[in-house]
Amino acid sequence: MIEALRGSLSHWLRIKDGLVENYQAVVPTTWNASPIDGNGKIAPYKASLVGLKLEDPTKPLEVLHVIHSFDPCMACSVHVMDYKGQSLSEFRIPAQAV
């Protein structure tokens, strides 16, 4: 386990007969990206988006900028939805562009 800049980072391995039987990574995104914490409080990502003004709701680049400030990898896999759960946009950045 180690404390990364974005939070706790751990990798868990179970080895059986010289082979990896199970591998699990608990990364900072696991902690930061949930909508609410265990006590029902709004978690950091969601809290940072509350009240965010969008220049163009069909191209909500402001959301990507905010999420990117937490975790540079998350901005490449953000799906933006309205309050009814309808998808507004989906962003994918090809690996060669990174």
C-alpha atoms as a PDB file:
ATOM      1  CA  MET A   1       0.000   0.000   0.000  1.00  0.00           C
ATOM      2  CA  ILE A   2       1.110   3.538  -0.690  1.00  0.00           C
ATOM      3  CA  GLU A   3      -0.372   6.994  -0.428  1.00  0.00           C
ATOM      4  CA  ALA A   4      -0.490   8.440  -3.942  1.00  0.00           C
ATOM      5  CA  LEU A   5      -1.116  12.126  -4.630  1.00  0.00           C
ATOM      6  CA  ARG A   6      -4.796  11.420  -5.317  1.00  0.00           C
ATOM      7  CA  GLY A   7      -5.267   9.077  -2.332  1.00  0.00           C
ATOM      8  CA  SER A   8      -4.614   5.539  -1.094  1.00  0.00           C
ATOM      9  CA  LEU A   9      -3.347   3.054  -3.640  1.00  0.00           C
ATOM     10  CA  SER A  10      -3.102  -0.680  -3.013  1.00  0.00           C
ATOM     11  CA  HIS A  11      -2.583  -3.796  -5.068  1.00  0.00           C
ATOM     12  CA  TRP A  12      -3.684  -7.140  -3.642  1.00  0.00           C
ATOM     13  CA  LEU A  13      -2.468 -10.456  -5.018  1.00  0.00           C
ATOM     14  CA  ARG A  14      -3.296 -14.028  -4.085  1.00  0.00           C
ATOM     15  CA  ILE A  15      -0.730 -16.490  -5.396  1.00  0.00           C
ATOM     16  CA  LYS A  16      -1.471 -20.200  -5.525  1.00  0.00           C
ATOM     17  CA  ASP A  17       0.949 -22.821  -6.819  1.00  0.00           C
ATOM     18  CA  GLY A  18       3.217 -20.115  -8.240  1.00  0.00           C
ATOM     19  CA  LEU A  19       0.420 -18.482 -10.275  1.00  0.00           C
ATOM     20  CA  VAL A  20      -1.633 -15.363  -9.637  1.00  0.00           C
ATOM     21  CA  GLU A  21      -5.029 -16.646  -8.534  1.00  0.00           C
ATOM     22  CA  ASN A  22      -6.568 -13.234  -7.848  1.00  0.00           C
ATOM     23  CA  TYR A  23      -5.477  -9.638  -8.436  1.00  0.00           C
ATOM     24  CA  GLN A  24      -7.289  -6.576  -7.167  1.00  0.00           C
ATOM     25  CA  ALA A  25      -6.263  -2.916  -7.344  1.00  0.00           C
ATOM     26  CA  VAL A  26      -7.864  -0.351  -5.079  1.00  0.00           C
ATOM     27  CA  VAL A  27      -6.957   2.963  -6.664  1.00  0.00           C
ATOM     28  CA  PRO A  28      -7.687   6.581  -5.661  1.00  0.00           C
ATOM     29  CA  THR A  29     -10.435   6.766  -8.268  1.00  0.00           C
ATOM     30  CA  THR A  30     -12.313   4.027  -6.387  1.00  0.00           C
ATOM     31  CA  TRP A  31     -12.507   6.326  -3.375  1.00  0.00           C
ATOM     32  CA  ASN A  32     -12.996   9.664  -5.122  1.00  0.00           C
ATOM     33  CA  ALA A  33     -15.404   8.813  -7.937  1.00  0.00           C
ATOM     34  CA  SER A  34     -18.310   7.339  -6.001  1.00  0.00           C
ATOM     35  CA  PRO A  35     -21.359   9.640  -5.904  1.00  0.00           C
ATOM     36  CA  ILE A  36     -21.676   9.470  -2.095  1.00  0.00           C
ATOM     37  CA  ASP A  37     -19.483   8.224   0.729  1.00  0.00           C
ATOM     38  CA  GLY A  38     -20.364   5.628   3.369  1.00  0.00           C
ATOM     39  CA  ASN A  39     -21.996   8.304   5.529  1.00  0.00           C
ATOM     40  CA  GLY A  40     -24.251   9.593   2.742  1.00  0.00           C
ATOM     41  CA  LYS A  41     -22.149  12.734   2.095  1.00  0.00           C
ATOM     42  CA  ILE A  42     -21.615  13.863  -1.483  1.00  0.00           C
ATOM     43  CA  ALA A  43     -18.206  12.639  -2.590  1.00  0.00           C
ATOM     44  CA  PRO A  44     -15.521  14.960  -4.066  1.00  0.00           C
ATOM     45  CA  TYR A  45     -16.183  14.495  -7.805  1.00  0.00           C
ATOM     46  CA  LYS A  46     -19.916  14.997  -7.504  1.00  0.00           C
ATOM     47  CA  ALA A  47     -19.558  17.914  -5.076  1.00  0.00           C
ATOM     48  CA  SER A  48     -17.227  19.699  -7.480  1.00  0.00           C
ATOM     49  CA  LEU A  49     -19.837  19.512 -10.255  1.00  0.00           C
ATOM     50  CA  VAL A  50     -22.740  20.941  -8.239  1.00  0.00           C
ATOM     51  CA  GLY A  51     -23.587  24.372  -9.640  1.00  0.00           C
ATOM     52  CA  LEU A  52     -21.135  24.106 -12.534  1.00  0.00           C
ATOM     53  CA  LYS A  53     -22.227  26.336 -15.399  1.00  0.00           C
ATOM     54  CA  LEU A  54     -21.939  24.849 -18.891  1.00  0.00           C
ATOM     55  CA  GLU A  55     -21.229  27.025 -21.896  1.00  0.00           C
ATOM     56  CA  ASP A  56     -22.805  24.414 -24.203  1.00  0.00           C
ATOM     57  CA  PRO A  57     -24.687  21.495 -22.573  1.00  0.00           C
ATOM     58  CA  THR A  58     -24.213  19.394 -25.735  1.00  0.00           C
ATOM     59  CA  LYS A  59     -20.429  19.765 -25.319  1.00  0.00           C
ATOM     60  CA  PRO A  60     -19.879  19.934 -21.542  1.00  0.00           C
ATOM     61  CA  LEU A  61     -16.110  20.399 -21.639  1.00  0.00           C
ATOM     62  CA  GLU A  62     -16.231  22.084 -18.224  1.00  0.00           C
ATOM     63  CA  VAL A  63     -17.139  18.702 -16.706  1.00  0.00           C
ATOM     64  CA  LEU A  64     -14.065  17.121 -18.276  1.00  0.00           C
ATOM     65  CA  HIS A  65     -11.832  19.897 -16.965  1.00  0.00           C
ATOM     66  CA  VAL A  66     -13.141  19.506 -13.410  1.00  0.00           C
ATOM     67  CA  ILE A  67     -12.858  15.705 -13.364  1.00  0.00           C
ATOM     68  CA  HIS A  68      -9.428  15.881 -14.992  1.00  0.00           C
ATOM     69  CA  SER A  69      -8.231  18.038 -12.086  1.00  0.00           C
ATOM     70  CA  PHE A  70      -8.862  15.072  -9.766  1.00  0.00           C
ATOM     71  CA  ASP A  71      -7.659  12.225 -11.907  1.00  0.00           C
ATOM     72  CA  PRO A  72      -6.112  12.716 -15.351  1.00  0.00           C
ATOM     73  CA  CYS A  73      -7.273   9.268 -16.468  1.00  0.00           C
ATOM     74  CA  MET A  74     -10.939   9.778 -15.562  1.00  0.00           C
ATOM     75  CA  ALA A  75     -11.551  12.643 -17.969  1.00  0.00           C
ATOM     76  CA  CYS A  76     -11.020  10.240 -20.861  1.00  0.00           C
ATOM     77  CA  SER A  77     -13.901   8.027 -19.744  1.00  0.00           C
ATOM     78  CA  VAL A  78     -16.533  10.469 -18.530  1.00  0.00           C
ATOM     79  CA  HIS A  79     -20.139   9.971 -19.585  1.00  0.00           C
ATOM     80  CA  VAL A  80     -22.248  13.066 -19.008  1.00  0.00           C
ATOM     81  CA  MET A  81     -25.921  12.607 -18.091  1.00  0.00           C
ATOM     82  CA  ASP A  82     -28.702  14.965 -17.165  1.00  0.00           C
ATOM     83  CA  TYR A  83     -30.623  14.737 -13.905  1.00  0.00           C
ATOM     84  CA  LYS A  84     -33.029  12.201 -15.478  1.00  0.00           C
ATOM     85  CA  GLY A  85     -30.172   9.874 -16.399  1.00  0.00           C
ATOM     86  CA  GLN A  86     -30.308  10.673 -20.113  1.00  0.00           C
ATOM     87  CA  SER A  87     -26.926  10.640 -21.805  1.00  0.00           C
ATOM     88  CA  LEU A  88     -25.820  14.065 -23.040  1.00  0.00           C
ATOM     89  CA  SER A  89     -22.374  13.170 -24.299  1.00  0.00           C
ATOM     90  CA  GLU A  90     -19.820  10.399 -24.288  1.00  0.00           C
ATOM     91  CA  PHE A  91     -16.151  11.196 -24.731  1.00  0.00           C
ATOM     92  CA  ARG A  92     -13.461   8.781 -25.885  1.00  0.00           C
ATOM     93  CA  ILE A  93      -9.924   9.791 -26.622  1.00  0.00           C
ATOM     94  CA  PRO A  94      -7.866   7.374 -28.751  1.00  0.00           C
ATOM     95  CA  ALA A  95      -4.800   5.980 -26.993  1.00  0.00           C
ATOM     96  CA  GLN A  96      -2.444   7.407 -29.625  1.00  0.00           C
ATOM     97  CA  ALA A  97      -3.740  10.905 -28.829  1.00  0.00           C
ATOM     98  CA  VAL A  98      -2.495  10.722 -25.231  1.00  0.00           C
END
